[in-house]
Amino acid sequence: MSFVFCINIVLGNVSLRYIPVSFMQTIKSFTPATTVVLQWLVWRNYFEWRIWASLVPIVGGILLTSVTELSFNMFGFCAALFGCLATSTKTILAESLLHGYKFDRY
C-alpha cells in the first residue's frame, strides 16, 4: 500500500510539471469512476445502475475539460491519469484491509 501511495505522489508531481494545477485537479475528480471500474474488474464487485449512471456526468465533464484545455500535454495528462488509478488502488486496498479481506484466498 505504501508503494502505491509513493507512485501516486510521484505521478502527481510529474504531471504538475507539464499541466496546470487546475487541470490536474480536474483529472483527479475522475477517481470515483476509476475506483468503481477497478472494483468491478479486479474484485468483481457489482454496482447498481444508479452508480454507473452517476459516473456519466463525471466522465463527460472530464472529457469536455480535457478537449478544451488550452495547455493540454499528453504526457502530463497520462501521468495524472495513472496517478488517479494509483489513488483508486490505494483506496480499494485500504478498504479491503479495514474490512479484513483475505488477499491469499486462492
N, C-alpha and C. Protein backbone atom coordinates (compact mmCIF):
# COMPACT_ATOMS: atom_id res chain seq x y z
N MET A 1 0.82 -1.18 0.00
CA MET A 1 0.00 0.00 0.00
C MET A 1 0.87 1.26 0.00
N SER A 2 1.97 1.22 0.70
CA SER A 2 2.86 2.39 0.72
C SER A 2 3.51 2.60 -0.65
N PHE A 3 3.78 1.51 -1.37
CA PHE A 3 4.34 1.63 -2.71
C PHE A 3 3.36 2.33 -3.64
N VAL A 4 2.09 1.96 -3.57
CA VAL A 4 1.06 2.61 -4.40
C VAL A 4 0.93 4.07 -4.03
N PHE A 5 1.03 4.39 -2.74
CA PHE A 5 0.96 5.78 -2.30
C PHE A 5 2.14 6.58 -2.86
N CYS A 6 3.33 6.01 -2.83
CA CYS A 6 4.51 6.70 -3.38
C CYS A 6 4.37 6.92 -4.88
N ILE A 7 3.86 5.92 -5.59
CA ILE A 7 3.64 6.07 -7.03
C ILE A 7 2.64 7.20 -7.29
N ASN A 8 1.61 7.28 -6.47
CA ASN A 8 0.62 8.35 -6.59
C ASN A 8 1.28 9.72 -6.44
N ILE A 9 2.12 9.89 -5.45
CA ILE A 9 2.79 11.17 -5.21
C ILE A 9 3.73 11.51 -6.35
N VAL A 10 4.51 10.54 -6.79
CA VAL A 10 5.47 10.78 -7.89
C VAL A 10 4.74 11.17 -9.17
N LEU A 11 3.69 10.44 -9.52
CA LEU A 11 2.95 10.76 -10.74
C LEU A 11 2.25 12.11 -10.64
N GLY A 12 1.77 12.44 -9.46
CA GLY A 12 1.16 13.77 -9.28
C GLY A 12 2.16 14.88 -9.49
N ASN A 13 3.38 14.72 -8.95
CA ASN A 13 4.41 15.73 -9.14
C ASN A 13 4.89 15.81 -10.58
N VAL A 14 5.00 14.67 -11.24
CA VAL A 14 5.40 14.66 -12.65
C VAL A 14 4.34 15.37 -13.50
N SER A 15 3.09 15.10 -13.22
CA SER A 15 2.03 15.73 -14.01
C SER A 15 2.02 17.24 -13.83
N LEU A 16 2.35 17.71 -12.63
CA LEU A 16 2.36 19.16 -12.38
C LEU A 16 3.46 19.87 -13.17
N ARG A 17 4.45 19.14 -13.60
CA ARG A 17 5.50 19.74 -14.43
C ARG A 17 4.97 20.09 -15.82
N TYR A 18 3.97 19.37 -16.28
CA TYR A 18 3.50 19.52 -17.66
C TYR A 18 2.11 20.11 -17.81
N ILE A 19 1.30 20.03 -16.78
CA ILE A 19 -0.06 20.57 -16.87
C ILE A 19 -0.33 21.46 -15.65
N PRO A 20 -1.26 22.40 -15.77
CA PRO A 20 -1.57 23.28 -14.64
C PRO A 20 -2.26 22.53 -13.49
N VAL A 21 -2.19 23.11 -12.32
CA VAL A 21 -2.79 22.52 -11.12
C VAL A 21 -4.29 22.34 -11.30
N SER A 22 -4.95 23.32 -11.90
CA SER A 22 -6.40 23.23 -12.07
C SER A 22 -6.78 22.04 -12.95
N PHE A 23 -6.01 21.79 -13.99
CA PHE A 23 -6.31 20.66 -14.87
C PHE A 23 -6.01 19.34 -14.17
N MET A 24 -4.95 19.30 -13.38
CA MET A 24 -4.65 18.07 -12.65
C MET A 24 -5.75 17.76 -11.64
N GLN A 25 -6.27 18.77 -10.97
CA GLN A 25 -7.35 18.56 -10.01
C GLN A 25 -8.63 18.10 -10.72
N THR A 26 -8.84 18.57 -11.93
CA THR A 26 -9.98 18.11 -12.71
C THR A 26 -9.84 16.63 -13.02
N ILE A 27 -8.65 16.22 -13.39
CA ILE A 27 -8.41 14.80 -13.68
C ILE A 27 -8.53 13.97 -12.41
N LYS A 28 -8.10 14.52 -11.28
CA LYS A 28 -8.23 13.80 -10.01
C LYS A 28 -9.69 13.56 -9.63
N SER A 29 -10.59 14.40 -10.15
CA SER A 29 -12.01 14.17 -9.88
C SER A 29 -12.54 12.94 -10.60
N PHE A 30 -11.71 12.33 -11.42
CA PHE A 30 -12.03 11.07 -12.11
C PHE A 30 -11.88 9.87 -11.17
N THR A 31 -11.36 10.08 -9.97
CA THR A 31 -11.09 9.00 -9.02
C THR A 31 -12.31 8.14 -8.69
N PRO A 32 -13.49 8.69 -8.44
CA PRO A 32 -14.64 7.80 -8.17
C PRO A 32 -14.93 6.84 -9.32
N ALA A 33 -14.80 7.31 -10.54
CA ALA A 33 -15.06 6.45 -11.69
C ALA A 33 -14.03 5.33 -11.78
N THR A 34 -12.77 5.66 -11.59
CA THR A 34 -11.73 4.62 -11.67
C THR A 34 -11.85 3.64 -10.51
N THR A 35 -12.29 4.12 -9.36
CA THR A 35 -12.48 3.22 -8.22
C THR A 35 -13.58 2.21 -8.50
N VAL A 36 -14.69 2.67 -9.05
CA VAL A 36 -15.79 1.76 -9.36
C VAL A 36 -15.37 0.75 -10.43
N VAL A 37 -14.69 1.23 -11.46
CA VAL A 37 -14.27 0.33 -12.54
C VAL A 37 -13.25 -0.70 -12.04
N LEU A 38 -12.29 -0.26 -11.22
CA LEU A 38 -11.31 -1.21 -10.68
C LEU A 38 -11.97 -2.24 -9.76
N GLN A 39 -12.90 -1.81 -8.94
CA GLN A 39 -13.58 -2.77 -8.07
C GLN A 39 -14.39 -3.77 -8.89
N TRP A 40 -14.96 -3.31 -9.99
CA TRP A 40 -15.73 -4.19 -10.86
C TRP A 40 -14.82 -5.16 -11.61
N LEU A 41 -13.69 -4.68 -12.12
CA LEU A 41 -12.80 -5.53 -12.90
C LEU A 41 -11.99 -6.50 -12.05
N VAL A 42 -11.40 -6.01 -10.98
CA VAL A 42 -10.46 -6.81 -10.20
C VAL A 42 -11.16 -7.62 -9.12
N TRP A 43 -12.02 -6.99 -8.36
CA TRP A 43 -12.64 -7.67 -7.22
C TRP A 43 -14.04 -8.20 -7.53
N ARG A 44 -14.51 -8.00 -8.72
CA ARG A 44 -15.83 -8.49 -9.15
C ARG A 44 -16.97 -7.99 -8.28
N ASN A 45 -16.85 -6.76 -7.80
CA ASN A 45 -17.96 -6.13 -7.08
C ASN A 45 -18.95 -5.60 -8.11
N TYR A 46 -20.21 -5.82 -7.87
CA TYR A 46 -21.23 -5.35 -8.78
C TYR A 46 -21.96 -4.17 -8.16
N PHE A 47 -22.27 -3.20 -8.99
CA PHE A 47 -22.89 -1.97 -8.52
C PHE A 47 -24.23 -1.78 -9.23
N GLU A 48 -25.10 -1.03 -8.58
CA GLU A 48 -26.41 -0.72 -9.16
C GLU A 48 -26.25 0.19 -10.37
N TRP A 49 -27.26 0.22 -11.20
CA TRP A 49 -27.22 1.05 -12.39
C TRP A 49 -27.14 2.53 -12.03
N ARG A 50 -27.66 2.89 -10.85
CA ARG A 50 -27.61 4.31 -10.46
C ARG A 50 -26.19 4.79 -10.22
N ILE A 51 -25.34 3.90 -9.71
CA ILE A 51 -23.94 4.28 -9.51
C ILE A 51 -23.26 4.48 -10.85
N TRP A 52 -23.50 3.54 -11.78
CA TRP A 52 -22.91 3.68 -13.12
C TRP A 52 -23.44 4.95 -13.80
N ALA A 53 -24.73 5.22 -13.64
CA ALA A 53 -25.31 6.41 -14.27
C ALA A 53 -24.75 7.70 -13.67
N SER A 54 -24.44 7.67 -12.38
CA SER A 54 -23.89 8.88 -11.75
C SER A 54 -22.47 9.19 -12.23
N LEU A 55 -21.79 8.19 -12.80
CA LEU A 55 -20.44 8.41 -13.30
C LEU A 55 -20.42 9.06 -14.67
N VAL A 56 -21.53 9.00 -15.39
CA VAL A 56 -21.59 9.56 -16.75
C VAL A 56 -21.30 11.06 -16.76
N PRO A 57 -21.93 11.87 -15.89
CA PRO A 57 -21.59 13.30 -15.91
C PRO A 57 -20.15 13.59 -15.51
N ILE A 58 -19.60 12.77 -14.61
CA ILE A 58 -18.21 12.97 -14.19
C ILE A 58 -17.28 12.73 -15.36
N VAL A 59 -17.45 11.59 -16.02
CA VAL A 59 -16.58 11.26 -17.15
C VAL A 59 -16.80 12.24 -18.30
N GLY A 60 -18.04 12.60 -18.56
CA GLY A 60 -18.33 13.57 -19.63
C GLY A 60 -17.71 14.93 -19.35
N GLY A 61 -17.77 15.38 -18.12
CA GLY A 61 -17.17 16.67 -17.77
C GLY A 61 -15.66 16.66 -17.90
N ILE A 62 -15.05 15.55 -17.51
CA ILE A 62 -13.59 15.46 -17.62
C ILE A 62 -13.17 15.40 -19.08
N LEU A 63 -13.92 14.66 -19.90
CA LEU A 63 -13.61 14.62 -21.34
C LEU A 63 -13.77 16.00 -21.97
N LEU A 64 -14.83 16.71 -21.61
CA LEU A 64 -15.05 18.05 -22.15
C LEU A 64 -13.95 19.01 -21.72
N THR A 65 -13.55 18.92 -20.47
CA THR A 65 -12.48 19.78 -19.97
C THR A 65 -11.15 19.45 -20.64
N SER A 66 -10.88 18.17 -20.85
CA SER A 66 -9.62 17.76 -21.47
C SER A 66 -9.52 18.24 -22.91
N VAL A 67 -10.62 18.14 -23.63
CA VAL A 67 -10.61 18.54 -25.04
C VAL A 67 -10.43 20.05 -25.18
N THR A 68 -11.00 20.81 -24.26
CA THR A 68 -10.95 22.27 -24.37
C THR A 68 -9.80 22.91 -23.59
N GLU A 69 -8.95 22.11 -22.97
CA GLU A 69 -7.82 22.65 -22.19
C GLU A 69 -6.80 23.28 -23.13
N LEU A 70 -6.46 24.52 -22.87
CA LEU A 70 -5.52 25.24 -23.74
C LEU A 70 -4.09 24.75 -23.58
N SER A 71 -3.70 24.40 -22.37
CA SER A 71 -2.33 23.96 -22.13
C SER A 71 -2.27 22.45 -21.94
N PHE A 72 -2.97 21.72 -22.83
CA PHE A 72 -3.01 20.26 -22.75
C PHE A 72 -1.66 19.67 -23.14
N ASN A 73 -1.20 18.72 -22.34
CA ASN A 73 0.04 17.99 -22.63
C ASN A 73 -0.26 16.51 -22.38
N MET A 74 -0.03 15.68 -23.40
CA MET A 74 -0.39 14.27 -23.30
C MET A 74 0.39 13.56 -22.19
N PHE A 75 1.67 13.86 -22.05
CA PHE A 75 2.47 13.20 -21.01
C PHE A 75 1.96 13.57 -19.62
N GLY A 76 1.70 14.85 -19.40
CA GLY A 76 1.16 15.28 -18.11
C GLY A 76 -0.22 14.71 -17.84
N PHE A 77 -1.04 14.63 -18.89
CA PHE A 77 -2.37 14.05 -18.76
C PHE A 77 -2.28 12.58 -18.36
N CYS A 78 -1.41 11.82 -19.03
CA CYS A 78 -1.24 10.39 -18.72
C CYS A 78 -0.69 10.19 -17.30
N ALA A 79 0.26 11.04 -16.90
CA ALA A 79 0.80 10.94 -15.55
C ALA A 79 -0.28 11.20 -14.51
N ALA A 80 -1.12 12.20 -14.75
CA ALA A 80 -2.21 12.50 -13.82
C ALA A 80 -3.24 11.38 -13.82
N LEU A 81 -3.51 10.81 -14.98
CA LEU A 81 -4.48 9.72 -15.06
C LEU A 81 -3.98 8.46 -14.35
N PHE A 82 -2.71 8.12 -14.53
CA PHE A 82 -2.16 6.97 -13.82
C PHE A 82 -2.05 7.25 -12.32
N GLY A 83 -1.82 8.51 -11.94
CA GLY A 83 -1.86 8.88 -10.53
C GLY A 83 -3.25 8.69 -9.95
N CYS A 84 -4.25 8.97 -10.76
CA CYS A 84 -5.64 8.75 -10.35
C CYS A 84 -5.91 7.25 -10.15
N LEU A 85 -5.38 6.44 -11.04
CA LEU A 85 -5.50 4.98 -10.88
C LEU A 85 -4.80 4.51 -9.61
N ALA A 86 -3.65 5.09 -9.30
CA ALA A 86 -2.94 4.73 -8.08
C ALA A 86 -3.74 5.13 -6.84
N THR A 87 -4.39 6.29 -6.90
CA THR A 87 -5.23 6.72 -5.78
C THR A 87 -6.40 5.76 -5.58
N SER A 88 -7.01 5.35 -6.68
CA SER A 88 -8.11 4.40 -6.59
C SER A 88 -7.65 3.06 -6.02
N THR A 89 -6.49 2.60 -6.47
CA THR A 89 -5.95 1.34 -5.97
C THR A 89 -5.67 1.43 -4.48
N LYS A 90 -5.10 2.55 -4.05
CA LYS A 90 -4.81 2.74 -2.63
C LYS A 90 -6.11 2.76 -1.82
N THR A 91 -7.13 3.39 -2.33
CA THR A 91 -8.42 3.44 -1.64
C THR A 91 -9.02 2.05 -1.51
N ILE A 92 -8.97 1.27 -2.58
CA ILE A 92 -9.52 -0.08 -2.56
C ILE A 92 -8.74 -0.97 -1.60
N LEU A 93 -7.42 -0.86 -1.64
CA LEU A 93 -6.59 -1.66 -0.72
C LEU A 93 -6.86 -1.30 0.73
N ALA A 94 -6.98 -0.01 1.02
CA ALA A 94 -7.25 0.42 2.40
C ALA A 94 -8.61 -0.10 2.86
N GLU A 95 -9.61 -0.01 2.01
CA GLU A 95 -10.94 -0.51 2.38
C GLU A 95 -10.91 -2.02 2.59
N SER A 96 -10.19 -2.72 1.74
CA SER A 96 -10.09 -4.18 1.87
C SER A 96 -9.39 -4.57 3.17
N LEU A 97 -8.33 -3.85 3.50
CA LEU A 97 -7.61 -4.16 4.74
C LEU A 97 -8.45 -3.83 5.97
N LEU A 98 -9.21 -2.76 5.91
CA LEU A 98 -10.06 -2.40 7.04
C LEU A 98 -11.18 -3.40 7.27
N HIS A 99 -11.66 -4.00 6.20
CA HIS A 99 -12.76 -4.96 6.33
C HIS A 99 -12.29 -6.40 6.42
N GLY A 100 -11.00 -6.60 6.53
CA GLY A 100 -10.47 -7.95 6.74
C GLY A 100 -10.49 -8.83 5.52
N TYR A 101 -10.37 -8.26 4.34
CA TYR A 101 -10.35 -9.05 3.11
C TYR A 101 -9.08 -9.89 3.05
N LYS A 102 -9.21 -11.15 2.73
CA LYS A 102 -8.06 -12.05 2.63
C LYS A 102 -7.55 -12.06 1.19
N PHE A 103 -6.33 -11.56 0.99
CA PHE A 103 -5.77 -11.49 -0.36
C PHE A 103 -5.21 -12.83 -0.82
N ASP A 104 -5.02 -13.76 0.09
CA ASP A 104 -4.44 -15.05 -0.26
C ASP A 104 -5.49 -16.16 -0.29
N ARG A 105 -6.66 -15.86 -0.79
CA ARG A 105 -7.74 -16.83 -0.76
C ARG A 105 -7.64 -17.86 -1.86
N TYR A 106 -6.76 -17.69 -2.85
CA TYR A 106 -6.64 -18.66 -3.94
C TYR A 106 -5.53 -19.62 -3.69
